[in-house]
PDB file of N, CA and C in Angstrom:
ATOM      1  N   UNK A   1       1.781  10.121 -14.204  1.00  0.00           N
ATOM      2  CA  UNK A   1       0.760  10.140 -13.609  1.00  0.00           C
ATOM      3  C   UNK A   1       0.319   8.418 -13.974  1.00  0.00           C
ATOM      4  N   UNK A   2      -0.181   7.902 -12.632  1.00  0.00           N
ATOM      5  CA  UNK A   2      -0.601   6.788 -12.287  1.00  0.00           C
ATOM      6  C   UNK A   2      -2.008   6.101 -13.167  1.00  0.00           C
ATOM      7  N   UNK A   3      -2.032   5.431 -13.536  1.00  0.00           N
ATOM      8  CA  UNK A   3      -4.020   4.740 -14.091  1.00  0.00           C
ATOM      9  C   UNK A   3      -4.371   3.823 -12.927  1.00  0.00           C
ATOM     10  N   UNK A   4      -5.317   3.743 -12.316  1.00  0.00           N
ATOM     11  CA  UNK A   4      -5.994   3.251 -11.525  1.00  0.00           C
ATOM     12  C   UNK A   4      -6.826   2.649 -12.078  1.00  0.00           C
ATOM     13  N   UNK A   5      -7.106   1.576 -11.930  1.00  0.00           N
ATOM     14  CA  UNK A   5      -8.408   0.534 -12.888  1.00  0.00           C
ATOM     15  C   UNK A   5      -9.645   0.733 -11.979  1.00  0.00           C
ATOM     16  N   UNK A   6      -9.703   1.713 -10.680  1.00  0.00           N
ATOM     17  CA  UNK A   6     -11.047   1.946 -10.441  1.00  0.00           C
ATOM     18  C   UNK A   6     -11.068   3.231  -8.910  1.00  0.00           C
ATOM     19  N   UNK A   7     -12.258   3.624  -8.824  1.00  0.00           N
ATOM     20  CA  UNK A   7     -12.147   4.119  -7.509  1.00  0.00           C
ATOM     21  C   UNK A   7     -12.172   3.152  -6.038  1.00  0.00           C
ATOM     22  N   UNK A   8     -11.415   3.915  -4.975  1.00  0.00           N
ATOM     23  CA  UNK A   8     -11.870   3.146  -3.329  1.00  0.00           C
ATOM     24  C   UNK A   8     -13.154   3.231  -3.145  1.00  0.00           C
ATOM     25  N   UNK A   9     -13.945   4.084  -3.612  1.00  0.00           N
ATOM     26  CA  UNK A   9     -14.842   4.494  -2.761  1.00  0.00           C
ATOM     27  C   UNK A   9     -15.911   3.690  -3.234  1.00  0.00           C
ATOM     28  N   UNK A  10     -16.817   2.693  -2.742  1.00  0.00           N
ATOM     29  CA  UNK A  10     -17.880   2.000  -2.924  1.00  0.00           C
ATOM     30  C   UNK A  10     -18.978   3.128  -3.549  1.00  0.00           C
ATOM     31  N   UNK A  11     -18.862   3.764  -2.919  1.00  0.00           N
ATOM     32  CA  UNK A  11     -20.016   4.067  -3.859  1.00  0.00           C
ATOM     33  C   UNK A  11     -20.383   5.309  -4.841  1.00  0.00           C
ATOM     34  N   UNK A  12     -18.923   5.065  -5.600  1.00  0.00           N
ATOM     35  CA  UNK A  12     -18.569   6.089  -6.262  1.00  0.00           C
ATOM     36  C   UNK A  12     -18.917   5.006  -7.872  1.00  0.00           C
ATOM     37  N   UNK A  13     -19.525   6.036  -8.952  1.00  0.00           N
ATOM     38  CA  UNK A  13     -19.714   5.160 -10.112  1.00  0.00           C
ATOM     39  C   UNK A  13     -18.810   4.377 -10.708  1.00  0.00           C
ATOM     40  N   UNK A  14     -17.637   5.089 -10.318  1.00  0.00           N
ATOM     41  CA  UNK A  14     -16.256   4.572 -11.053  1.00  0.00           C
ATOM     42  C   UNK A  14     -15.880   3.134 -10.310  1.00  0.00           C
ATOM     43  N   UNK A  15     -16.395   3.089  -8.999  1.00  0.00           N
ATOM     44  CA  UNK A  15     -15.370   1.813  -8.018  1.00  0.00           C
ATOM     45  C   UNK A  15     -15.557   0.404  -8.621  1.00  0.00           C
ATOM     46  N   UNK A  16     -16.412   0.237  -9.829  1.00  0.00           N
ATOM     47  CA  UNK A  16     -16.618  -1.165 -10.487  1.00  0.00           C
ATOM     48  C   UNK A  16     -16.185  -1.393 -11.478  1.00  0.00           C
ATOM     49  N   UNK A  17     -16.219  -0.021 -12.545  1.00  0.00           N
ATOM     50  CA  UNK A  17     -15.534   0.259 -13.485  1.00  0.00           C
ATOM     51  C   UNK A  17     -15.275   1.673 -14.154  1.00  0.00           C
ATOM     52  N   UNK A  18     -13.574   2.360 -14.210  1.00  0.00           N
ATOM     53  CA  UNK A  18     -13.324   3.185 -14.464  1.00  0.00           C
ATOM     54  C   UNK A  18     -13.327   3.537 -15.579  1.00  0.00           C
ATOM     55  N   UNK A  19     -13.910   4.567 -16.612  1.00  0.00           N
ATOM     56  CA  UNK A  19     -14.037   4.837 -17.686  1.00  0.00           C
ATOM     57  C   UNK A  19     -12.646   5.035 -18.065  1.00  0.00           C
ATOM     58  N   UNK A  20     -12.598   4.628 -19.660  1.00  0.00           N
ATOM     59  CA  UNK A  20     -11.052   4.472 -20.367  1.00  0.00           C
ATOM     60  C   UNK A  20     -10.362   6.116 -20.033  1.00  0.00           C
ATOM     61  N   UNK A  21     -11.033   6.925 -19.915  1.00  0.00           N
ATOM     62  CA  UNK A  21     -10.204   8.331 -20.063  1.00  0.00           C
ATOM     63  C   UNK A  21      -9.359   8.394 -18.564  1.00  0.00           C
ATOM     64  N   UNK A  22      -8.376   9.274 -18.353  1.00  0.00           N
ATOM     65  CA  UNK A  22      -8.193   9.880 -16.770  1.00  0.00           C
ATOM     66  C   UNK A  22      -9.355  10.010 -16.210  1.00  0.00           C
ATOM     67  N   UNK A  23      -9.535   9.921 -14.811  1.00  0.00           N
ATOM     68  CA  UNK A  23     -10.743  10.050 -14.487  1.00  0.00           C
ATOM     69  C   UNK A  23      -9.846  10.713 -12.523  1.00  0.00           C
ATOM     70  N   UNK A  24      -8.529  10.819 -12.626  1.00  0.00           N
ATOM     71  CA  UNK A  24      -8.856  10.567 -11.284  1.00  0.00           C
ATOM     72  C   UNK A  24      -7.305  11.922 -11.185  1.00  0.00           C
ATOM     73  N   UNK A  25      -7.253  12.834 -10.821  1.00  0.00           N
ATOM     74  CA  UNK A  25      -6.235  13.914 -10.853  1.00  0.00           C
ATOM     75  C   UNK A  25      -5.532  14.151  -9.670  1.00  0.00           C
ATOM     76  N   UNK A  26      -4.224  14.247  -9.693  1.00  0.00           N
ATOM     77  CA  UNK A  26      -3.597  14.811  -8.539  1.00  0.00           C
ATOM     78  C   UNK A  26      -3.394  15.740  -8.069  1.00  0.00           C
ATOM     79  N   UNK A  27      -3.576  15.723  -7.032  1.00  0.00           N
ATOM     80  CA  UNK A  27      -3.575  17.151  -5.420  1.00  0.00           C
ATOM     81  C   UNK A  27      -2.612  17.030  -4.458  1.00  0.00           C
ATOM     82  N   UNK A  28      -1.664  16.495  -4.540  1.00  0.00           N
ATOM     83  CA  UNK A  28      -0.818  17.100  -3.786  1.00  0.00           C
ATOM     84  C   UNK A  28       0.551  15.764  -3.274  1.00  0.00           C
ATOM     85  N   UNK A  29       0.615  16.066  -2.200  1.00  0.00           N
ATOM     86  CA  UNK A  29       1.649  15.118  -1.270  1.00  0.00           C
ATOM     87  C   UNK A  29       1.313  15.050   0.049  1.00  0.00           C
ATOM     88  N   UNK A  30       1.981  14.053   0.663  1.00  0.00           N
ATOM     89  CA  UNK A  30       2.048  14.122   2.000  1.00  0.00           C
ATOM     90  C   UNK A  30       3.258  13.175   2.572  1.00  0.00           C
ATOM     91  N   UNK A  31       4.126  13.029   3.090  1.00  0.00           N
ATOM     92  CA  UNK A  31       5.196  12.563   3.749  1.00  0.00           C
ATOM     93  C   UNK A  31       4.856  10.766   5.287  1.00  0.00           C
ATOM     94  N   UNK A  32       5.605  10.642   4.750  1.00  0.00           N
ATOM     95  CA  UNK A  32       5.407   9.486   5.565  1.00  0.00           C
ATOM     96  C   UNK A  32       6.661   8.980   6.057  1.00  0.00           C
ATOM     97  N   UNK A  33       7.114   8.394   6.985  1.00  0.00           N
ATOM     98  CA  UNK A  33       8.636   8.119   7.387  1.00  0.00           C
ATOM     99  C   UNK A  33       9.187   6.835   6.434  1.00  0.00           C
ATOM    100  N   UNK A  34       8.596   5.689   6.476  1.00  0.00           N
ATOM    101  CA  UNK A  34       8.596   4.813   5.615  1.00  0.00           C
ATOM    102  C   UNK A  34       8.567   5.109   3.998  1.00  0.00           C
ATOM    103  N   UNK A  35       8.153   5.535   3.466  1.00  0.00           N
ATOM    104  CA  UNK A  35       7.568   6.315   2.281  1.00  0.00           C
ATOM    105  C   UNK A  35       8.381   7.294   1.236  1.00  0.00           C
ATOM    106  N   UNK A  36       8.575   8.173   1.963  1.00  0.00           N
ATOM    107  CA  UNK A  36       8.527   9.236   1.839  1.00  0.00           C
ATOM    108  C   UNK A  36       7.818  10.023   1.248  1.00  0.00           C
ATOM    109  N   UNK A  37       7.435  10.793   0.277  1.00  0.00           N
ATOM    110  CA  UNK A  37       6.256  11.442  -0.173  1.00  0.00           C
ATOM    111  C   UNK A  37       5.658  10.513  -0.979  1.00  0.00           C
ATOM    112  N   UNK A  38       4.281  10.765  -0.826  1.00  0.00           N
ATOM    113  CA  UNK A  38       3.194  10.031  -1.610  1.00  0.00           C
ATOM    114  C   UNK A  38       2.444  10.558  -1.728  1.00  0.00           C
ATOM    115  N   UNK A  39       2.212  10.401  -3.629  1.00  0.00           N
ATOM    116  CA  UNK A  39       0.943  11.287  -4.354  1.00  0.00           C
ATOM    117  C   UNK A  39      -0.542  11.364  -3.408  1.00  0.00           C
ATOM    118  N   UNK A  40      -0.799  12.198  -3.778  1.00  0.00           N
ATOM    119  CA  UNK A  40      -2.755  12.256  -3.553  1.00  0.00           C
ATOM    120  C   UNK A  40      -3.379  12.082  -4.869  1.00  0.00           C
ATOM    121  N   UNK A  41      -4.593  12.138  -5.384  1.00  0.00           N
ATOM    122  CA  UNK A  41      -5.331  12.227  -6.473  1.00  0.00           C
ATOM    123  C   UNK A  41      -6.686  12.516  -5.642  1.00  0.00           C
ATOM    124  N   UNK A  42      -7.613  12.697  -6.313  1.00  0.00           N
ATOM    125  CA  UNK A  42      -9.309  13.097  -6.146  1.00  0.00           C
ATOM    126  C   UNK A  42      -9.434  11.889  -7.652  1.00  0.00           C
ATOM    127  N   UNK A  43     -10.318  11.401  -7.392  1.00  0.00           N
ATOM    128  CA  UNK A  43     -11.641  11.083  -7.869  1.00  0.00           C
ATOM    129  C   UNK A  43     -12.424  12.318  -8.885  1.00  0.00           C
ATOM    130  N   UNK A  44     -12.580  12.350 -10.285  1.00  0.00           N
ATOM    131  CA  UNK A  44     -13.401  13.635 -10.876  1.00  0.00           C
ATOM    132  C   UNK A  44     -15.034  13.354 -10.802  1.00  0.00           C
ATOM    133  N   UNK A  45     -15.044  11.889 -10.718  1.00  0.00           N
ATOM    134  CA  UNK A  45     -16.733  11.550  -9.988  1.00  0.00           C
ATOM    135  C   UNK A  45     -17.496  11.844  -8.937  1.00  0.00           C
ATOM    136  N   UNK A  46     -16.587  11.391  -7.575  1.00  0.00           N
ATOM    137  CA  UNK A  46     -17.355  11.722  -6.402  1.00  0.00           C
ATOM    138  C   UNK A  46     -16.304  12.425  -5.494  1.00  0.00           C
ATOM    139  N   UNK A  47     -15.403  12.292  -6.129  1.00  0.00           N
ATOM    140  CA  UNK A  47     -14.641  13.447  -5.278  1.00  0.00           C
ATOM    141  C   UNK A  47     -13.810  12.888  -4.034  1.00  0.00           C
ATOM    142  N   UNK A  48     -13.498  11.785  -3.842  1.00  0.00           N
ATOM    143  CA  UNK A  48     -13.140  11.124  -2.804  1.00  0.00           C
ATOM    144  C   UNK A  48     -11.317  11.492  -2.962  1.00  0.00           C
ATOM    145  N   UNK A  49     -11.183  11.457  -2.121  1.00  0.00           N
ATOM    146  CA  UNK A  49      -9.486  11.545  -2.325  1.00  0.00           C
ATOM    147  C   UNK A  49      -8.611  10.674  -2.121  1.00  0.00           C
ATOM    148  N   UNK A  50      -7.637   9.879  -2.439  1.00  0.00           N
ATOM    149  CA  UNK A  50      -6.824   8.687  -2.340  1.00  0.00           C
ATOM    150  C   UNK A  50      -4.964   8.999  -2.559  1.00  0.00           C
ATOM    151  N   UNK A  51      -4.671   7.966  -1.992  1.00  0.00           N
ATOM    152  CA  UNK A  51      -3.174   8.030  -2.269  1.00  0.00           C
ATOM    153  C   UNK A  51      -2.573   6.742  -3.825  1.00  0.00           C
ATOM    154  N   UNK A  52      -1.257   7.086  -4.100  1.00  0.00           N
ATOM    155  CA  UNK A  52      -0.733   5.257  -4.509  1.00  0.00           C
ATOM    156  C   UNK A  52      -0.937   4.303  -3.390  1.00  0.00           C
ATOM    157  N   UNK A  53      -0.769   4.538  -2.283  1.00  0.00           N
ATOM    158  CA  UNK A  53      -0.837   3.679  -1.426  1.00  0.00           C
ATOM    159  C   UNK A  53      -2.142   3.018  -0.986  1.00  0.00           C
ATOM    160  N   UNK A  54      -3.033   3.425  -1.393  1.00  0.00           N
ATOM    161  CA  UNK A  54      -4.575   2.593  -1.404  1.00  0.00           C
ATOM    162  C   UNK A  54      -4.504   1.792  -1.989  1.00  0.00           C
ATOM    163  N   UNK A  55      -3.884   1.539  -3.332  1.00  0.00           N
ATOM    164  CA  UNK A  55      -4.173   0.372  -4.055  1.00  0.00           C
ATOM    165  C   UNK A  55      -2.225  -0.778  -3.688  1.00  0.00           C
ATOM    166  N   UNK A  56      -1.662  -0.736  -2.431  1.00  0.00           N
ATOM    167  CA  UNK A  56      -0.591  -1.465  -2.092  1.00  0.00           C
ATOM    168  C   UNK A  56      -0.491  -2.147  -1.110  1.00  0.00           C
ATOM    169  N   UNK A  57       0.202  -3.314  -1.525  1.00  0.00           N
ATOM    170  CA  UNK A  57       0.110  -4.339  -0.103  1.00  0.00           C
ATOM    171  C   UNK A  57       0.762  -3.692   0.927  1.00  0.00           C
ATOM    172  N   UNK A  58       1.827  -2.540   1.139  1.00  0.00           N
ATOM    173  CA  UNK A  58       2.204  -2.319   2.067  1.00  0.00           C
ATOM    174  C   UNK A  58       1.358  -0.802   2.601  1.00  0.00           C
ATOM    175  N   UNK A  59       0.218  -0.811   2.444  1.00  0.00           N
ATOM    176  CA  UNK A  59      -0.867   0.351   2.424  1.00  0.00           C
ATOM    177  C   UNK A  59      -0.807   0.262   4.274  1.00  0.00           C
ATOM    178  N   UNK A  60      -0.919  -0.636   5.096  1.00  0.00           N
ATOM    179  CA  UNK A  60      -0.803   0.216   6.287  1.00  0.00           C
ATOM    180  C   UNK A  60       0.487   0.205   7.343  1.00  0.00           C
ATOM    181  N   UNK A  61       1.807  -0.244   6.473  1.00  0.00           N
ATOM    182  CA  UNK A  61       3.146  -0.874   7.088  1.00  0.00           C
ATOM    183  C   UNK A  61       3.511   0.804   7.422  1.00  0.00           C
ATOM    184  N   UNK A  62       4.182   0.468   8.729  1.00  0.00           N
ATOM    185  CA  UNK A  62       5.288   1.711   9.181  1.00  0.00           C
ATOM    186  C   UNK A  62       6.363   1.398   8.613  1.00  0.00           C
ATOM    187  N   UNK A  63       7.072   0.068   8.567  1.00  0.00           N
ATOM    188  CA  UNK A  63       8.607  -0.351   8.125  1.00  0.00           C
ATOM    189  C   UNK A  63       8.252  -0.987   7.051  1.00  0.00           C
ATOM    190  N   UNK A  64       9.209  -1.155   5.861  1.00  0.00           N
ATOM    191  CA  UNK A  64       9.465  -1.521   4.843  1.00  0.00           C
ATOM    192  C   UNK A  64      10.170  -2.878   5.579  1.00  0.00           C
ATOM    193  N   UNK A  65       9.989  -4.528   4.866  1.00  0.00           N
ATOM    194  CA  UNK A  65      10.793  -5.379   4.878  1.00  0.00           C
ATOM    195  C   UNK A  65      10.304  -6.611   4.134  1.00  0.00           C
ATOM    196  N   UNK A  66      11.653  -6.707   3.571  1.00  0.00           N
ATOM    197  CA  UNK A  66      11.423  -7.603   1.829  1.00  0.00           C
ATOM    198  C   UNK A  66      10.474  -9.436   2.168  1.00  0.00           C
ATOM    199  N   UNK A  67       9.160  -9.263   1.427  1.00  0.00           N
ATOM    200  CA  UNK A  67       8.614 -10.454   1.529  1.00  0.00           C
ATOM    201  C   UNK A  67       9.998 -11.400   0.872  1.00  0.00           C
ATOM    202  N   UNK A  68      10.758 -10.562  -0.417  1.00  0.00           N
ATOM    203  CA  UNK A  68      11.518 -12.163  -0.622  1.00  0.00           C
ATOM    204  C   UNK A  68      12.642 -12.827   0.244  1.00  0.00           C
ATOM    205  N   UNK A  69      12.708 -12.008   1.730  1.00  0.00           N
ATOM    206  CA  UNK A  69      13.849 -12.102   2.249  1.00  0.00           C
ATOM    207  C   UNK A  69      13.245 -12.957   3.237  1.00  0.00           C
ATOM    208  N   UNK A  70      12.070 -12.249   3.857  1.00  0.00           N
ATOM    209  CA  UNK A  70      11.148 -13.467   4.665  1.00  0.00           C
ATOM    210  C   UNK A  70      10.896 -14.833   4.231  1.00  0.00           C
ATOM    211  N   UNK A  71      10.394 -14.356   3.063  1.00  0.00           N
ATOM    212  CA  UNK A  71       9.905 -16.008   2.415  1.00  0.00           C
ATOM    213  C   UNK A  71      11.469 -16.824   1.882  1.00  0.00           C
ATOM    214  N   UNK A  72      12.398 -16.423   1.888  1.00  0.00           N
ATOM    215  CA  UNK A  72      13.940 -17.170   2.405  1.00  0.00           C
ATOM    216  C   UNK A  72      13.704 -17.875   3.512  1.00  0.00           C
ATOM    217  N   UNK A  73      13.859 -16.774   4.527  1.00  0.00           N
ATOM    218  CA  UNK A  73      14.239 -17.375   6.013  1.00  0.00           C
ATOM    219  C   UNK A  73      12.584 -18.402   6.038  1.00  0.00           C
ATOM    220  N   UNK A  74      11.680 -18.690   5.904  1.00  0.00           N
ATOM    221  CA  UNK A  74      10.302 -19.438   5.764  1.00  0.00           C
ATOM    222  C   UNK A  74      10.652 -20.510   5.494  1.00  0.00           C
ATOM    223  N   UNK A  75      10.992 -20.633   4.163  1.00  0.00           N
ATOM    224  CA  UNK A  75      11.498 -21.767   3.611  1.00  0.00           C
ATOM    225  C   UNK A  75      13.039 -22.864   4.361  1.00  0.00           C
ATOM    226  N   UNK A  76      14.044 -21.740   5.093  1.00  0.00           N
ATOM    227  CA  UNK A  76      15.030 -22.059   5.452  1.00  0.00           C
ATOM    228  C   UNK A  76      14.545 -23.033   6.944  1.00  0.00           C
ATOM    229  N   UNK A  77      13.752 -22.846   7.007  1.00  0.00           N
ATOM    230  CA  UNK A  77      12.759 -23.285   8.484  1.00  0.00           C
ATOM    231  C   UNK A  77      13.101 -22.365   9.627  1.00  0.00           C
ATOM    232  N   UNK A  78      13.605 -20.932   9.722  1.00  0.00           N
ATOM    233  CA  UNK A  78      13.492 -20.222  10.457  1.00  0.00           C
ATOM    234  C   UNK A  78      12.100 -19.853  11.290  1.00  0.00           C
ATOM    235  N   UNK A  79      12.215 -19.558  12.320  1.00  0.00           N
ATOM    236  CA  UNK A  79      11.115 -19.667  13.196  1.00  0.00           C
ATOM    237  C   UNK A  79      11.152 -18.012  13.492  1.00  0.00           C
ATOM    238  N   UNK A  80       9.433 -17.517  13.236  1.00  0.00           N
ATOM    239  CA  UNK A  80       9.092 -15.901  13.377  1.00  0.00           C
ATOM    240  C   UNK A  80       9.787 -15.419  14.429  1.00  0.00           C
ATOM    241  N   UNK A  81      10.296 -16.265  15.802  1.00  0.00           N
ATOM    242  CA  UNK A  81      10.683 -15.547  16.680  1.00  0.00           C
ATOM    243  C   UNK A  81      12.216 -15.190  16.688  1.00  0.00           C
ATOM    244  N   UNK A  82      12.681 -15.989  15.548  1.00  0.00           N
ATOM    245  CA  UNK A  82      14.238 -15.994  14.859  1.00  0.00           C
ATOM    246  C   UNK A  82      13.930 -15.363  14.422  1.00  0.00           C
ATOM    247  N   UNK A  83      13.230 -14.792  13.420  1.00  0.00           N
ATOM    248  CA  UNK A  83      13.517 -13.973  11.948  1.00  0.00           C
ATOM    249  C   UNK A  83      13.316 -12.501  12.846  1.00  0.00           C
ATOM    250  N   UNK A  84      12.627 -12.059  14.242  1.00  0.00           N
ATOM    251  CA  UNK A  84      11.786 -10.860  14.502  1.00  0.00           C
ATOM    252  C   UNK A  84      13.712 -10.902  15.467  1.00  0.00           C
ATOM    253  N   UNK A  85      14.002 -11.722  15.828  1.00  0.00           N
ATOM    254  CA  UNK A  85      15.061 -11.145  16.775  1.00  0.00           C
ATOM    255  C   UNK A  85      15.869 -11.189  15.802  1.00  0.00           C
ATOM    256  N   UNK A  86      16.128 -11.600  14.670  1.00  0.00           N
ATOM    257  CA  UNK A  86      17.266 -11.338  13.800  1.00  0.00           C
ATOM    258  C   UNK A  86      17.435  -9.809  12.991  1.00  0.00           C
ATOM    259  N   UNK A  87      16.386  -9.313  12.202  1.00  0.00           N
ATOM    260  CA  UNK A  87      15.406  -8.350  11.852  1.00  0.00           C
ATOM    261  C   UNK A  87      15.118  -7.100  12.607  1.00  0.00           C
ATOM    262  N   UNK A  88      15.110  -7.156  14.079  1.00  0.00           N
ATOM    263  CA  UNK A  88      15.166  -6.174  14.905  1.00  0.00           C
ATOM    264  C   UNK A  88      13.714  -5.513  14.699  1.00  0.00           C
ATOM    265  N   UNK A  89      12.568  -6.330  14.505  1.00  0.00           N
ATOM    266  CA  UNK A  89      11.195  -6.237  14.608  1.00  0.00           C
ATOM    267  C   UNK A  89      10.478  -6.829  15.767  1.00  0.00           C
ATOM    268  N   UNK A  90       9.212  -6.107  15.490  1.00  0.00           N
ATOM    269  CA  UNK A  90       7.893  -7.139  16.865  1.00  0.00           C
ATOM    270  C   UNK A  90       8.070  -8.303  16.115  1.00  0.00           C
ATOM    271  N   UNK A  91       7.649  -9.793  16.710  1.00  0.00           N
ATOM    272  CA  UNK A  91       6.870 -10.809  16.387  1.00  0.00           C
ATOM    273  C   UNK A  91       5.496 -10.662  15.192  1.00  0.00           C
ATOM    274  N   UNK A  92       4.707  -9.654  15.941  1.00  0.00           N
ATOM    275  CA  UNK A  92       3.207  -9.067  15.452  1.00  0.00           C
ATOM    276  C   UNK A  92       3.547  -9.136  14.282  1.00  0.00           C
ATOM    277  N   UNK A  93       4.799  -7.882  13.655  1.00  0.00           N
ATOM    278  CA  UNK A  93       4.946  -7.277  12.207  1.00  0.00           C
ATOM    279  C   UNK A  93       5.160  -8.012  11.407  1.00  0.00           C
ATOM    280  N   UNK A  94       5.485  -9.701  12.079  1.00  0.00           N
ATOM    281  CA  UNK A  94       5.607 -10.552  11.274  1.00  0.00           C
ATOM    282  C   UNK A  94       4.333 -11.403  10.914  1.00  0.00           C
ATOM    283  N   UNK A  95       3.820 -11.926  11.851  1.00  0.00           N
ATOM    284  CA  UNK A  95       3.038 -12.092  11.860  1.00  0.00           C
ATOM    285  C   UNK A  95       1.532 -11.902  11.011  1.00  0.00           C
ATOM    286  N   UNK A  96       1.644 -10.351  11.300  1.00  0.00           N
ATOM    287  CA  UNK A  96       0.844  -9.804  10.812  1.00  0.00           C
ATOM    288  C   UNK A  96       0.976  -9.916   8.785  1.00  0.00           C
ATOM    289  N   UNK A  97       2.123  -9.891   8.324  1.00  0.00           N
ATOM    290  CA  UNK A  97       2.847 -10.076   6.732  1.00  0.00           C
ATOM    291  C   UNK A  97       2.718 -11.632   6.062  1.00  0.00           C
TER     292      UNK A  97
END
């Protein structure tokens, strides 16, 4: 089970600081094309459900690209438009990262 530092609900008592004991319980799964099965949890204080993706830097992504590869390409002087052509993705997808 994952250990979360706080509840994502701003109105929850566990939003500022969660207790030292487990406070989120696994409640199921949901499927995504990019990440496969993603685990869902429910806060024991407010009842809000959230997933492991909630705290991830990849939260809104529909497609996974390596940040390391993007950084190497930028450091090499490749333009965003050139990267979008070679990676087969849109310019806005790269600009948002």
